[in-house]
Amino acid sequence: MPPQDNTEERILQAATEVFLQYGKDGARMQTIAERAGVNKALLHYYFRSKEKLYQRVIVKLVDRAIKAVLVSVPRDGRFRDFLTVFISNYVDHLATTPELIRFVLWEVGSSWRTPDKAATIGTIFKQAIERYAGGRNLLIETIRRAAERGEIRPVDPLQFTISLLAVCVYPFVARPLLEAVFPELDVLSEDFLKARKRELVDLLWKGLQPEATN
């Protein structure tokens, strides 16, 4: 029987590092075992195969991300408060977990060759969101309720959700390009992150304002 310690966690951390360094196809179970400080037999005891280990790594990263973003988001009250906290949490997590972005980009990129992969990563995100939001899509429902209350103008909740996620993640996905085009820019700097969050809330909130009635 394997020792009851943090072995599984060490394996997951080592696997994350090795998958990031070599990619899924280039990573070897022996390399992961050596980096985790365990033998290959113990690695297979916990995770059976490289595919299962890879899936666990992605699930762990996605769970951590969804929890970090949603755990402190206000579920009731003003929509602007919800928007402000969501953007702040999301931007902060993206800034501190570049490995999540890399894994998602790899998965989405490879889905052009194997479409079932896109469905897999999508399912992982959907399940994590529902797990931390009581079995519902918190973003869609919160946007819809705000529109019904007249707090924001009528918008397509799905379209707004896609736009919200996109404007938050873009600087981190395009960081090498942006920092090359704008040499003064440091996407991960505290000043940029503060300004980015402030500007996003201002831009999106103004675009959501109900039309003035005469």
Protein backbone atom coordinates (compact mmCIF):
# COMPACT_ATOMS: atom_id res chain seq x y z
CA MET A 1 0.00 0.00 0.00
CA PRO A 2 1.51 3.42 -0.94
CA PRO A 3 2.41 5.74 1.94
CA GLN A 4 -0.32 8.11 3.02
CA ASP A 5 1.41 11.44 2.41
CA ASN A 6 1.43 14.13 -0.24
CA THR A 7 2.63 11.74 -2.95
CA GLU A 8 -0.34 12.35 -5.24
CA GLU A 9 0.07 16.11 -4.96
CA ARG A 10 3.80 15.88 -5.71
CA ILE A 11 3.08 13.76 -8.77
CA LEU A 12 0.51 16.26 -10.05
CA GLN A 13 2.93 19.15 -9.56
CA ALA A 14 5.74 17.28 -11.29
CA ALA A 15 3.42 16.28 -14.13
CA THR A 16 2.33 19.89 -14.62
CA GLU A 17 5.96 20.99 -14.94
CA VAL A 18 6.91 18.16 -17.32
CA PHE A 19 3.83 18.57 -19.54
CA LEU A 20 4.55 22.30 -19.80
CA GLN A 21 8.18 21.66 -20.65
CA TYR A 22 7.75 18.87 -23.20
CA GLY A 23 4.08 18.94 -24.16
CA LYS A 24 1.74 16.02 -23.70
CA ASP A 25 3.23 13.92 -26.49
CA GLY A 26 6.85 14.59 -25.49
CA ALA A 27 6.40 14.01 -21.77
CA ARG A 28 7.56 10.66 -20.39
CA MET A 29 6.12 8.97 -17.32
CA GLN A 30 9.65 8.11 -16.18
CA THR A 31 10.59 11.81 -16.24
CA ILE A 32 7.51 12.68 -14.20
CA ALA A 33 8.29 9.93 -11.69
CA GLU A 34 11.87 11.12 -11.27
CA ARG A 35 10.82 14.73 -10.78
CA ALA A 36 8.19 13.70 -8.23
CA GLY A 37 10.73 11.51 -6.39
CA VAL A 38 8.76 8.28 -6.82
CA ASN A 39 9.24 5.13 -8.84
CA LYS A 40 7.32 4.53 -12.04
CA ALA A 41 5.27 1.73 -10.51
CA LEU A 42 3.90 4.11 -7.88
CA LEU A 43 3.10 6.64 -10.59
CA HIS A 44 1.01 4.05 -12.42
CA TYR A 45 -0.63 3.00 -9.14
CA TYR A 46 -2.03 6.49 -8.68
CA PHE A 47 -2.84 7.44 -12.27
CA ARG A 48 -2.74 4.27 -14.44
CA SER A 49 -1.66 6.05 -17.66
CA LYS A 50 -0.21 9.26 -19.04
CA GLU A 51 -3.59 10.19 -20.50
CA LYS A 52 -5.32 9.87 -17.13
CA LEU A 53 -2.55 11.86 -15.43
CA TYR A 54 -2.80 14.59 -18.07
CA GLN A 55 -6.55 14.84 -17.55
CA ARG A 56 -6.09 15.11 -13.79
CA VAL A 57 -3.61 17.94 -14.26
CA ILE A 58 -6.09 19.88 -16.41
CA VAL A 59 -8.99 19.22 -14.03
CA LYS A 60 -6.88 20.42 -11.10
CA LEU A 61 -5.85 23.63 -12.89
CA VAL A 62 -9.39 24.38 -14.03
CA ASP A 63 -10.89 23.67 -10.60
CA ARG A 64 -8.36 25.96 -8.96
CA ALA A 65 -9.10 28.71 -11.49
CA ILE A 66 -12.89 28.53 -11.20
CA LYS A 67 -12.75 28.47 -7.41
CA ALA A 68 -10.37 31.44 -7.29
CA VAL A 69 -12.56 33.47 -9.64
CA LEU A 70 -16.02 32.62 -8.29
CA VAL A 71 -15.54 31.95 -4.59
CA SER A 72 -15.75 35.61 -3.49
CA VAL A 73 -18.01 36.94 -6.24
CA PRO A 74 -21.21 38.42 -4.73
CA ARG A 75 -24.24 36.36 -5.72
CA ASP A 76 -26.78 39.06 -4.83
CA GLY A 77 -26.80 42.82 -4.88
CA ARG A 78 -25.71 45.25 -7.57
CA PHE A 79 -24.49 43.91 -10.89
CA ARG A 80 -21.64 46.40 -10.92
CA ASP A 81 -20.29 44.85 -7.71
CA PHE A 82 -20.48 41.41 -9.30
CA LEU A 83 -18.72 42.67 -12.43
CA THR A 84 -15.98 44.43 -10.47
CA VAL A 85 -15.13 41.44 -8.27
CA PHE A 86 -15.34 38.96 -11.14
CA ILE A 87 -12.94 40.97 -13.32
CA SER A 88 -10.53 41.53 -10.44
CA ASN A 89 -10.46 37.84 -9.47
CA TYR A 90 -10.18 36.65 -13.07
CA VAL A 91 -7.36 39.03 -14.03
CA ASP A 92 -5.43 38.27 -10.85
CA HIS A 93 -5.68 34.52 -11.39
CA LEU A 94 -4.64 34.74 -15.03
CA ALA A 95 -1.63 36.84 -14.03
CA THR A 96 -0.46 34.27 -11.48
CA THR A 97 -1.21 31.03 -13.38
CA PRO A 98 0.25 31.24 -16.90
CA GLU A 99 0.35 27.44 -16.99
CA LEU A 100 -3.47 27.32 -17.21
CA ILE A 101 -3.44 29.50 -20.31
CA ARG A 102 -0.79 27.34 -21.96
CA PHE A 103 -2.68 24.12 -21.27
CA VAL A 104 -5.95 25.55 -22.60
CA LEU A 105 -4.25 26.92 -25.73
CA TRP A 106 -2.64 23.54 -26.38
CA GLU A 107 -5.93 21.75 -25.93
CA VAL A 108 -7.86 24.17 -28.14
CA GLY A 109 -5.10 24.13 -30.76
CA SER A 110 -4.97 20.36 -30.91
CA SER A 111 -8.76 20.18 -31.16
CA TRP A 112 -8.50 21.18 -34.81
CA ARG A 113 -7.04 17.73 -35.41
CA THR A 114 -9.09 15.90 -32.79
CA PRO A 115 -12.43 17.71 -32.22
CA ASP A 116 -13.28 15.53 -29.22
CA LYS A 117 -10.55 17.31 -27.25
CA ALA A 118 -12.39 20.61 -27.49
CA ALA A 119 -15.46 18.90 -26.06
CA THR A 120 -13.36 17.45 -23.23
CA ILE A 121 -11.80 20.73 -22.09
CA GLY A 122 -15.19 22.42 -22.47
CA THR A 123 -16.83 19.80 -20.29
CA ILE A 124 -14.15 20.21 -17.62
CA PHE A 125 -14.76 23.97 -17.45
CA LYS A 126 -18.55 23.56 -17.49
CA GLN A 127 -18.51 21.03 -14.67
CA ALA A 128 -16.17 23.16 -12.55
CA ILE A 129 -18.34 26.26 -13.01
CA GLU A 130 -21.48 24.36 -12.06
CA ARG A 131 -19.75 22.78 -9.07
CA TYR A 132 -18.81 26.14 -7.56
CA ALA A 133 -22.04 27.86 -8.58
CA GLY A 134 -24.53 25.37 -7.25
CA GLY A 135 -25.17 23.52 -10.48
CA ARG A 136 -25.88 26.65 -12.56
CA ASN A 137 -24.06 28.91 -14.96
CA LEU A 138 -23.49 31.83 -12.63
CA LEU A 139 -22.43 34.33 -15.30
CA ILE A 140 -25.37 33.74 -17.61
CA GLU A 141 -27.92 33.80 -14.80
CA THR A 142 -26.50 36.91 -13.14
CA ILE A 143 -26.49 38.86 -16.41
CA ARG A 144 -30.04 37.76 -17.22
CA ARG A 145 -31.35 38.75 -13.77
CA ALA A 146 -29.67 42.17 -13.95
CA ALA A 147 -31.32 42.83 -17.30
CA GLU A 148 -34.71 41.69 -16.00
CA ARG A 149 -34.40 44.10 -13.05
CA GLY A 150 -33.59 46.95 -15.45
CA GLU A 151 -30.20 47.41 -13.82
CA ILE A 152 -28.52 46.97 -17.21
CA ARG A 153 -29.85 47.27 -20.74
CA PRO A 154 -31.13 44.10 -22.41
CA VAL A 155 -28.15 42.13 -23.70
CA ASP A 156 -27.58 38.62 -24.94
CA PRO A 157 -26.14 36.94 -21.80
CA LEU A 158 -24.09 34.48 -23.83
CA GLN A 159 -22.59 37.13 -26.10
CA PHE A 160 -21.74 39.36 -23.15
CA THR A 161 -20.15 36.45 -21.27
CA ILE A 162 -17.94 35.63 -24.26
CA SER A 163 -16.91 39.28 -24.57
CA LEU A 164 -16.18 39.55 -20.85
CA LEU A 165 -13.98 36.46 -20.80
CA ALA A 166 -12.19 37.51 -23.98
CA VAL A 167 -11.23 41.04 -22.90
CA CYS A 168 -9.90 39.72 -19.59
CA VAL A 169 -7.74 36.94 -21.03
CA TYR A 170 -6.38 38.62 -24.18
CA PRO A 171 -3.37 40.47 -22.67
CA PHE A 172 -2.10 37.24 -21.11
CA VAL A 173 -2.56 35.17 -24.27
CA ALA A 174 -0.94 37.84 -26.43
CA ARG A 175 1.66 38.95 -23.89
CA PRO A 176 4.79 38.33 -26.06
CA LEU A 177 3.24 40.19 -28.99
CA LEU A 178 1.95 43.10 -26.91
CA GLU A 179 5.22 43.59 -25.04
CA ALA A 180 7.15 43.52 -28.33
CA VAL A 181 4.86 46.11 -29.95
CA PHE A 182 4.70 48.27 -26.82
CA PRO A 183 8.18 48.07 -25.19
CA GLU A 184 7.05 50.10 -22.18
CA LEU A 185 4.36 47.51 -21.37
CA ASP A 186 4.74 44.84 -18.70
CA VAL A 187 1.54 42.82 -18.67
CA LEU A 188 2.30 41.28 -15.27
CA SER A 189 3.23 44.51 -13.52
CA GLU A 190 1.10 45.67 -10.62
CA ASP A 191 0.45 49.05 -12.26
CA PHE A 192 -0.79 47.49 -15.50
CA LEU A 193 -3.03 44.98 -13.72
CA LYS A 194 -4.64 47.68 -11.58
CA ALA A 195 -5.22 49.91 -14.59
CA ARG A 196 -6.51 47.01 -16.67
CA LYS A 197 -9.11 46.02 -14.10
CA ARG A 198 -10.23 49.62 -13.64
CA GLU A 199 -10.54 50.26 -17.39
CA LEU A 200 -12.42 47.02 -18.04
CA VAL A 201 -15.02 47.72 -15.38
CA ASP A 202 -15.46 51.26 -16.68
CA LEU A 203 -15.72 50.21 -20.34
CA LEU A 204 -18.12 47.31 -19.79
CA TRP A 205 -20.29 49.07 -17.23
CA LYS A 206 -20.81 52.11 -19.45
CA GLY A 207 -21.76 49.81 -22.32
CA LEU A 208 -24.37 48.13 -20.12
CA GLN A 209 -26.18 51.26 -19.00
CA PRO A 210 -29.91 51.31 -19.78
CA GLU A 211 -30.93 53.81 -22.43
CA ALA A 212 -32.17 57.08 -20.99
CA THR A 213 -35.90 57.57 -21.31
CA ASN A 214 -37.41 60.93 -22.29
